[in-house]
Amino acid sequence: MPSQNSTLYYIHDPMCSWCWAFHPNWQALKQSLLERHSGRLTIAYSLGSLAADSQDPMPEAMQKTLQAIWKNIQRKVPNTEFNFDFWTNCQPRRFTYPACRAVIAASQQGLELESPMILAIQTAYYLHAKNPSNEAELIEIAAQLPLDIAQFKQDLNTPKCQQILEENRQLNQRLQANSFPSLVLVHKNQVHPISIAYLKHHRMLTTISAILAT
């Protein structure tokens, strides 16, 4: 964690449904922070990694649980869209590490590609019923972005990508960020968890601004 600069960490997983619900408000918060605190605040992403690598199909009970979570999100965060065709068109598997490594592989070609890759994965998964657990799907998703696809394929499963993912996980532990999404502000070497608000970003902006003013 930086000792001088203030950093807001966004802890997420590209296949986390609550992160998808938070996306619009997160974008609004980021924009407001950049306008108000440009040069004083660094915004950094850290991957949460919901589920480790596995080839096992997702148990039916878990599939039903996740579908219920999607419906609950739609009740609590209006206008959040989900394509429930995913559950009939795809073979769900309970692991998200490949999608996380895909974000890392994209960001290796430029940090400006990190957010677009996250959104591309979320859009493919939640709106188009694609399965980002599959490497082939991730490559198709990456092809939508200005990436060197040959380099992306090469980087996707390298030990370096996995090492960066593990470093993200370790950072999350140090920040005591145990749920996704999470926001943690590190200011003057002090760690400040920021409560997530899914509908309006102003309370989060006020809280962060007040801490930065100290």
C-alpha atoms as a PDB file:
ATOM      1  CA  MET A   1       0.000   0.000   0.000  1.00  0.00           C
ATOM      2  CA  PRO A   2       1.393   3.423  -0.900  1.00  0.00           C
ATOM      3  CA  SER A   3       2.700   5.504   1.982  1.00  0.00           C
ATOM      4  CA  GLN A   4       2.343   8.981   0.387  1.00  0.00           C
ATOM      5  CA  ASN A   5      -0.440   9.037  -2.193  1.00  0.00           C
ATOM      6  CA  SER A   6      -4.064   8.311  -1.431  1.00  0.00           C
ATOM      7  CA  THR A   7      -5.429   5.320  -3.314  1.00  0.00           C
ATOM      8  CA  LEU A   8      -8.987   4.112  -3.727  1.00  0.00           C
ATOM      9  CA  TYR A   9      -9.044   0.373  -4.386  1.00  0.00           C
ATOM     10  CA  TYR A  10     -11.979  -1.175  -6.201  1.00  0.00           C
ATOM     11  CA  ILE A  11     -12.072  -4.884  -5.347  1.00  0.00           C
ATOM     12  CA  HIS A  12     -14.168  -6.817  -7.828  1.00  0.00           C
ATOM     13  CA  ASP A  13     -14.617  -9.923  -9.932  1.00  0.00           C
ATOM     14  CA  PRO A  14     -15.715  -9.609 -13.570  1.00  0.00           C
ATOM     15  CA  MET A  15     -18.172 -12.486 -13.048  1.00  0.00           C
ATOM     16  CA  CYS A  16     -19.633 -11.098  -9.816  1.00  0.00           C
ATOM     17  CA  SER A  17     -23.294 -10.212 -10.363  1.00  0.00           C
ATOM     18  CA  TRP A  18     -23.281  -7.537  -7.657  1.00  0.00           C
ATOM     19  CA  CYS A  19     -20.277  -5.922  -9.374  1.00  0.00           C
ATOM     20  CA  TRP A  20     -22.343  -5.825 -12.569  1.00  0.00           C
ATOM     21  CA  ALA A  21     -25.162  -4.131 -10.669  1.00  0.00           C
ATOM     22  CA  PHE A  22     -22.694  -1.626  -9.215  1.00  0.00           C
ATOM     23  CA  HIS A  23     -21.083  -0.776 -12.565  1.00  0.00           C
ATOM     24  CA  PRO A  24     -23.191   2.331 -13.447  1.00  0.00           C
ATOM     25  CA  ASN A  25     -22.796   3.876 -10.008  1.00  0.00           C
ATOM     26  CA  TRP A  26     -19.096   3.014  -9.939  1.00  0.00           C
ATOM     27  CA  GLN A  27     -18.619   4.846 -13.240  1.00  0.00           C
ATOM     28  CA  ALA A  28     -20.457   7.867 -11.866  1.00  0.00           C
ATOM     29  CA  LEU A  29     -18.351   7.818  -8.694  1.00  0.00           C
ATOM     30  CA  LYS A  30     -15.095   7.511 -10.629  1.00  0.00           C
ATOM     31  CA  GLN A  31     -15.978  10.440 -12.849  1.00  0.00           C
ATOM     32  CA  SER A  32     -16.869  12.630  -9.882  1.00  0.00           C
ATOM     33  CA  LEU A  33     -13.683  11.683  -8.032  1.00  0.00           C
ATOM     34  CA  LEU A  34     -11.529  12.459 -11.053  1.00  0.00           C
ATOM     35  CA  GLU A  35     -13.201  15.843 -11.426  1.00  0.00           C
ATOM     36  CA  ARG A  36     -12.935  16.736  -7.750  1.00  0.00           C
ATOM     37  CA  HIS A  37      -9.637  15.133  -6.733  1.00  0.00           C
ATOM     38  CA  SER A  38      -7.560  14.973  -9.908  1.00  0.00           C
ATOM     39  CA  GLY A  39      -3.878  14.607  -9.022  1.00  0.00           C
ATOM     40  CA  ARG A  40      -4.614  13.804  -5.377  1.00  0.00           C
ATOM     41  CA  LEU A  41      -6.181  10.378  -5.676  1.00  0.00           C
ATOM     42  CA  THR A  42      -5.175   7.210  -7.490  1.00  0.00           C
ATOM     43  CA  ILE A  43      -7.904   4.745  -8.441  1.00  0.00           C
ATOM     44  CA  ALA A  44      -6.739   1.137  -8.647  1.00  0.00           C
ATOM     45  CA  TYR A  45      -8.479  -2.130  -9.419  1.00  0.00           C
ATOM     46  CA  SER A  46      -7.860  -5.378  -7.562  1.00  0.00           C
ATOM     47  CA  LEU A  47      -9.354  -8.683  -8.677  1.00  0.00           C
ATOM     48  CA  GLY A  48     -11.302 -10.614  -6.098  1.00  0.00           C
ATOM     49  CA  SER A  49     -11.304 -14.047  -7.715  1.00  0.00           C
ATOM     50  CA  LEU A  50     -14.601 -15.544  -6.559  1.00  0.00           C
ATOM     51  CA  ALA A  51     -13.883 -19.148  -7.500  1.00  0.00           C
ATOM     52  CA  ALA A  52     -10.694 -21.062  -8.332  1.00  0.00           C
ATOM     53  CA  ASP A  53     -10.029 -23.094 -11.477  1.00  0.00           C
ATOM     54  CA  SER A  54     -12.123 -26.228 -11.961  1.00  0.00           C
ATOM     55  CA  GLN A  55     -13.627 -28.184 -14.836  1.00  0.00           C
ATOM     56  CA  ASP A  56     -16.528 -29.493 -12.777  1.00  0.00           C
ATOM     57  CA  PRO A  57     -20.055 -28.480 -13.819  1.00  0.00           C
ATOM     58  CA  MET A  58     -21.835 -26.162 -11.434  1.00  0.00           C
ATOM     59  CA  PRO A  59     -24.165 -28.116  -9.135  1.00  0.00           C
ATOM     60  CA  GLU A  60     -27.841 -27.577  -9.867  1.00  0.00           C
ATOM     61  CA  ALA A  61     -28.473 -26.219  -6.384  1.00  0.00           C
ATOM     62  CA  MET A  62     -25.834 -23.532  -6.908  1.00  0.00           C
ATOM     63  CA  GLN A  63     -27.300 -22.661 -10.305  1.00  0.00           C
ATOM     64  CA  LYS A  64     -30.673 -22.069  -8.672  1.00  0.00           C
ATOM     65  CA  THR A  65     -29.038 -20.011  -5.929  1.00  0.00           C
ATOM     66  CA  LEU A  66     -27.289 -17.757  -8.442  1.00  0.00           C
ATOM     67  CA  GLN A  67     -30.450 -17.293 -10.484  1.00  0.00           C
ATOM     68  CA  ALA A  68     -32.228 -16.253  -7.289  1.00  0.00           C
ATOM     69  CA  ILE A  69     -29.415 -13.755  -6.607  1.00  0.00           C
ATOM     70  CA  TRP A  70     -29.868 -12.258 -10.082  1.00  0.00           C
ATOM     71  CA  LYS A  71     -33.595 -11.823  -9.435  1.00  0.00           C
ATOM     72  CA  ASN A  72     -32.886 -10.302  -6.028  1.00  0.00           C
ATOM     73  CA  ILE A  73     -30.463  -7.834  -7.606  1.00  0.00           C
ATOM     74  CA  GLN A  74     -33.117  -6.811 -10.129  1.00  0.00           C
ATOM     75  CA  ARG A  75     -35.478  -6.051  -7.247  1.00  0.00           C
ATOM     76  CA  LYS A  76     -32.913  -4.073  -5.266  1.00  0.00           C
ATOM     77  CA  VAL A  77     -31.062  -2.363  -8.116  1.00  0.00           C
ATOM     78  CA  PRO A  78     -33.667  -1.441 -10.754  1.00  0.00           C
ATOM     79  CA  ASN A  79     -32.560  -1.400 -14.405  1.00  0.00           C
ATOM     80  CA  THR A  80     -29.927  -4.089 -13.841  1.00  0.00           C
ATOM     81  CA  GLU A  81     -30.312  -6.449 -16.782  1.00  0.00           C
ATOM     82  CA  PHE A  82     -29.623 -10.188 -16.855  1.00  0.00           C
ATOM     83  CA  ASN A  83     -30.081 -12.627 -19.709  1.00  0.00           C
ATOM     84  CA  PHE A  84     -31.386 -15.776 -18.048  1.00  0.00           C
ATOM     85  CA  ASP A  85     -30.808 -17.716 -21.290  1.00  0.00           C
ATOM     86  CA  PHE A  86     -27.322 -18.269 -19.898  1.00  0.00           C
ATOM     87  CA  TRP A  87     -28.662 -20.994 -17.638  1.00  0.00           C
ATOM     88  CA  THR A  88     -30.092 -23.021 -20.534  1.00  0.00           C
ATOM     89  CA  ASN A  89     -27.669 -22.137 -23.347  1.00  0.00           C
ATOM     90  CA  CYS A  90     -24.413 -22.632 -21.449  1.00  0.00           C
ATOM     91  CA  GLN A  91     -22.872 -25.237 -19.212  1.00  0.00           C
ATOM     92  CA  PRO A  92     -22.267 -23.230 -16.032  1.00  0.00           C
ATOM     93  CA  ARG A  93     -19.089 -23.934 -14.113  1.00  0.00           C
ATOM     94  CA  ARG A  94     -18.198 -22.391 -10.798  1.00  0.00           C
ATOM     95  CA  PHE A  95     -14.862 -20.712 -11.466  1.00  0.00           C
ATOM     96  CA  THR A  96     -13.924 -17.162 -12.334  1.00  0.00           C
ATOM     97  CA  TYR A  97     -10.118 -17.209 -12.405  1.00  0.00           C
ATOM     98  CA  PRO A  98      -9.956 -17.368 -16.246  1.00  0.00           C
ATOM     99  CA  ALA A  99     -12.003 -14.169 -16.526  1.00  0.00           C
ATOM    100  CA  CYS A 100      -9.773 -12.524 -13.919  1.00  0.00           C
ATOM    101  CA  ARG A 101      -6.635 -13.570 -15.802  1.00  0.00           C
ATOM    102  CA  ALA A 102      -8.204 -12.214 -19.002  1.00  0.00           C
ATOM    103  CA  VAL A 103      -8.494  -8.785 -17.373  1.00  0.00           C
ATOM    104  CA  ILE A 104      -4.838  -9.007 -16.353  1.00  0.00           C
ATOM    105  CA  ALA A 105      -3.767 -10.151 -19.829  1.00  0.00           C
ATOM    106  CA  ALA A 106      -5.590  -7.205 -21.384  1.00  0.00           C
ATOM    107  CA  SER A 107      -4.106  -4.733 -18.915  1.00  0.00           C
ATOM    108  CA  GLN A 108      -0.620  -6.014 -19.791  1.00  0.00           C
ATOM    109  CA  GLN A 109      -1.132  -4.243 -23.116  1.00  0.00           C
ATOM    110  CA  GLY A 110      -2.105  -0.996 -21.384  1.00  0.00           C
ATOM    111  CA  LEU A 111      -3.889  -0.091 -18.156  1.00  0.00           C
ATOM    112  CA  GLU A 112      -6.401   1.883 -20.212  1.00  0.00           C
ATOM    113  CA  LEU A 113      -7.684  -1.503 -21.481  1.00  0.00           C
ATOM    114  CA  GLU A 114      -8.458  -2.840 -17.997  1.00  0.00           C
ATOM    115  CA  SER A 115     -11.894  -1.242 -17.549  1.00  0.00           C
ATOM    116  CA  PRO A 116     -13.032  -1.939 -21.138  1.00  0.00           C
ATOM    117  CA  MET A 117     -12.098  -5.608 -20.737  1.00  0.00           C
ATOM    118  CA  ILE A 118     -14.043  -5.870 -17.482  1.00  0.00           C
ATOM    119  CA  LEU A 119     -17.113  -4.327 -19.082  1.00  0.00           C
ATOM    120  CA  ALA A 120     -16.773  -6.511 -22.193  1.00  0.00           C
ATOM    121  CA  ILE A 121     -16.741  -9.656 -20.025  1.00  0.00           C
ATOM    122  CA  GLN A 122     -19.721  -8.463 -17.992  1.00  0.00           C
ATOM    123  CA  THR A 123     -21.693  -7.536 -21.102  1.00  0.00           C
ATOM    124  CA  ALA A 124     -20.997 -10.877 -22.770  1.00  0.00           C
ATOM    125  CA  TYR A 125     -21.963 -12.791 -19.629  1.00  0.00           C
ATOM    126  CA  TYR A 126     -24.954 -10.894 -18.322  1.00  0.00           C
ATOM    127  CA  LEU A 127     -26.513  -9.525 -21.521  1.00  0.00           C
ATOM    128  CA  HIS A 128     -25.490 -11.994 -24.248  1.00  0.00           C
ATOM    129  CA  ALA A 129     -25.495 -15.254 -22.258  1.00  0.00           C
ATOM    130  CA  LYS A 130     -21.867 -16.055 -23.084  1.00  0.00           C
ATOM    131  CA  ASN A 131     -19.710 -18.096 -20.746  1.00  0.00           C
ATOM    132  CA  PRO A 132     -16.514 -16.280 -19.677  1.00  0.00           C
ATOM    133  CA  SER A 133     -15.370 -19.432 -17.902  1.00  0.00           C
ATOM    134  CA  ASN A 134     -14.384 -20.679 -21.369  1.00  0.00           C
ATOM    135  CA  GLU A 135     -11.074 -19.575 -22.830  1.00  0.00           C
ATOM    136  CA  ALA A 136     -12.495 -19.470 -26.357  1.00  0.00           C
ATOM    137  CA  GLU A 137     -15.225 -17.074 -25.221  1.00  0.00           C
ATOM    138  CA  LEU A 138     -12.655 -14.838 -23.529  1.00  0.00           C
ATOM    139  CA  ILE A 139     -10.626 -14.658 -26.719  1.00  0.00           C
ATOM    140  CA  GLU A 140     -13.762 -13.687 -28.679  1.00  0.00           C
ATOM    141  CA  ILE A 141     -14.523 -11.020 -26.086  1.00  0.00           C
ATOM    142  CA  ALA A 142     -10.954  -9.691 -26.238  1.00  0.00           C
ATOM    143  CA  ALA A 143     -11.178  -9.467 -30.033  1.00  0.00           C
ATOM    144  CA  GLN A 144     -13.740  -6.676 -29.591  1.00  0.00           C
ATOM    145  CA  LEU A 145     -11.047  -4.462 -28.067  1.00  0.00           C
ATOM    146  CA  PRO A 146      -7.939  -2.879 -29.616  1.00  0.00           C
ATOM    147  CA  LEU A 147      -5.746  -5.721 -28.399  1.00  0.00           C
ATOM    148  CA  ASP A 148      -3.003  -7.775 -29.992  1.00  0.00           C
ATOM    149  CA  ILE A 149      -4.979 -11.022 -29.843  1.00  0.00           C
ATOM    150  CA  ALA A 150      -1.951 -13.243 -30.451  1.00  0.00           C
ATOM    151  CA  GLN A 151      -0.244 -11.600 -27.477  1.00  0.00           C
ATOM    152  CA  PHE A 152      -3.429 -11.859 -25.414  1.00  0.00           C
ATOM    153  CA  LYS A 153      -3.659 -15.610 -26.070  1.00  0.00           C
ATOM    154  CA  GLN A 154      -0.032 -16.022 -25.116  1.00  0.00           C
ATOM    155  CA  ASP A 155      -0.384 -14.039 -21.904  1.00  0.00           C
ATOM    156  CA  LEU A 156      -3.693 -15.523 -20.757  1.00  0.00           C
ATOM    157  CA  ASN A 157      -2.343 -18.636 -19.068  1.00  0.00           C
ATOM    158  CA  THR A 158       1.174 -17.561 -18.208  1.00  0.00           C
ATOM    159  CA  PRO A 159       2.576 -17.930 -14.681  1.00  0.00           C
ATOM    160  CA  LYS A 160       2.943 -14.137 -14.657  1.00  0.00           C
ATOM    161  CA  CYS A 161      -0.826 -13.618 -15.006  1.00  0.00           C
ATOM    162  CA  GLN A 162      -1.507 -16.116 -12.246  1.00  0.00           C
ATOM    163  CA  GLN A 163       1.122 -14.471 -10.041  1.00  0.00           C
ATOM    164  CA  ILE A 164      -0.490 -11.048 -10.501  1.00  0.00           C
ATOM    165  CA  LEU A 165      -3.866 -12.576  -9.641  1.00  0.00           C
ATOM    166  CA  GLU A 166      -2.412 -14.033  -6.451  1.00  0.00           C
ATOM    167  CA  GLU A 167      -0.870 -10.666  -5.587  1.00  0.00           C
ATOM    168  CA  ASN A 168      -4.307  -9.082  -6.016  1.00  0.00           C
ATOM    169  CA  ARG A 169      -5.796 -11.656  -3.666  1.00  0.00           C
ATOM    170  CA  GLN A 170      -3.094 -10.989  -1.081  1.00  0.00           C
ATOM    171  CA  LEU A 171      -3.690  -7.251  -1.349  1.00  0.00           C
ATOM    172  CA  ASN A 172      -7.398  -7.816  -0.746  1.00  0.00           C
ATOM    173  CA  GLN A 173      -6.569  -9.734   2.415  1.00  0.00           C
ATOM    174  CA  ARG A 174      -4.364  -6.908   3.672  1.00  0.00           C
ATOM    175  CA  LEU A 175      -7.164  -4.461   2.930  1.00  0.00           C
ATOM    176  CA  GLN A 176      -9.619  -6.808   4.694  1.00  0.00           C
ATOM    177  CA  ALA A 177     -11.844  -6.704   1.625  1.00  0.00           C
ATOM    178  CA  ASN A 178     -13.789  -9.942   1.836  1.00  0.00           C
ATOM    179  CA  SER A 179     -16.793  -9.216  -0.375  1.00  0.00           C
ATOM    180  CA  PHE A 180     -17.295  -8.078  -3.945  1.00  0.00           C
ATOM    181  CA  PRO A 181     -17.605  -5.326  -4.817  1.00  0.00           C
ATOM    182  CA  SER A 182     -15.641  -3.514  -2.129  1.00  0.00           C
ATOM    183  CA  LEU A 183     -14.139  -0.048  -1.968  1.00  0.00           C
ATOM    184  CA  VAL A 184     -11.194   0.684   0.295  1.00  0.00           C
ATOM    185  CA  LEU A 185      -9.493   4.064   0.584  1.00  0.00           C
ATOM    186  CA  VAL A 186      -5.892   4.152   1.813  1.00  0.00           C
ATOM    187  CA  HIS A 187      -5.119   7.666   3.040  1.00  0.00           C
ATOM    188  CA  LYS A 188      -2.061   8.588   5.094  1.00  0.00           C
ATOM    189  CA  ASN A 189      -1.368   4.882   5.620  1.00  0.00           C
ATOM    190  CA  GLN A 190      -4.802   4.397   7.158  1.00  0.00           C
ATOM    191  CA  VAL A 191      -7.284   1.932   5.648  1.00  0.00           C
ATOM    192  CA  HIS A 192     -10.859   3.190   5.277  1.00  0.00           C
ATOM    193  CA  PRO A 193     -13.567   0.801   4.020  1.00  0.00           C
ATOM    194  CA  ILE A 194     -16.172   2.690   2.011  1.00  0.00           C
ATOM    195  CA  SER A 195     -19.753   1.408   2.141  1.00  0.00           C
ATOM    196  CA  ILE A 196     -21.057   0.449  -1.290  1.00  0.00           C
ATOM    197  CA  ALA A 197     -24.121   2.323  -2.567  1.00  0.00           C
ATOM    198  CA  TYR A 198     -25.766   0.816  -5.630  1.00  0.00           C
ATOM    199  CA  LEU A 199     -28.284   3.526  -6.507  1.00  0.00           C
ATOM    200  CA  LYS A 200     -26.615   6.902  -5.925  1.00  0.00           C
ATOM    201  CA  HIS A 201     -22.922   7.697  -5.705  1.00  0.00           C
ATOM    202  CA  HIS A 202     -23.100  10.970  -3.785  1.00  0.00           C
ATOM    203  CA  ARG A 203     -22.830   9.459  -0.303  1.00  0.00           C
ATOM    204  CA  MET A 204     -19.683   7.552  -1.298  1.00  0.00           C
ATOM    205  CA  LEU A 205     -18.247  10.709  -2.872  1.00  0.00           C
ATOM    206  CA  THR A 206     -18.951  12.726   0.279  1.00  0.00           C
ATOM    207  CA  THR A 207     -17.361  10.082   2.511  1.00  0.00           C
ATOM    208  CA  ILE A 208     -14.225   9.782   0.390  1.00  0.00           C
ATOM    209  CA  SER A 209     -13.884  13.565   0.039  1.00  0.00           C
ATOM    210  CA  ALA A 210     -14.185  14.021   3.811  1.00  0.00           C
ATOM    211  CA  ILE A 211     -11.410  11.500   4.475  1.00  0.00           C
ATOM    212  CA  LEU A 212      -9.145  13.087   1.865  1.00  0.00           C
ATOM    213  CA  ALA A 213      -9.656  16.456   3.533  1.00  0.00           C
ATOM    214  CA  THR A 214      -8.146  15.238   6.821  1.00  0.00           C
END
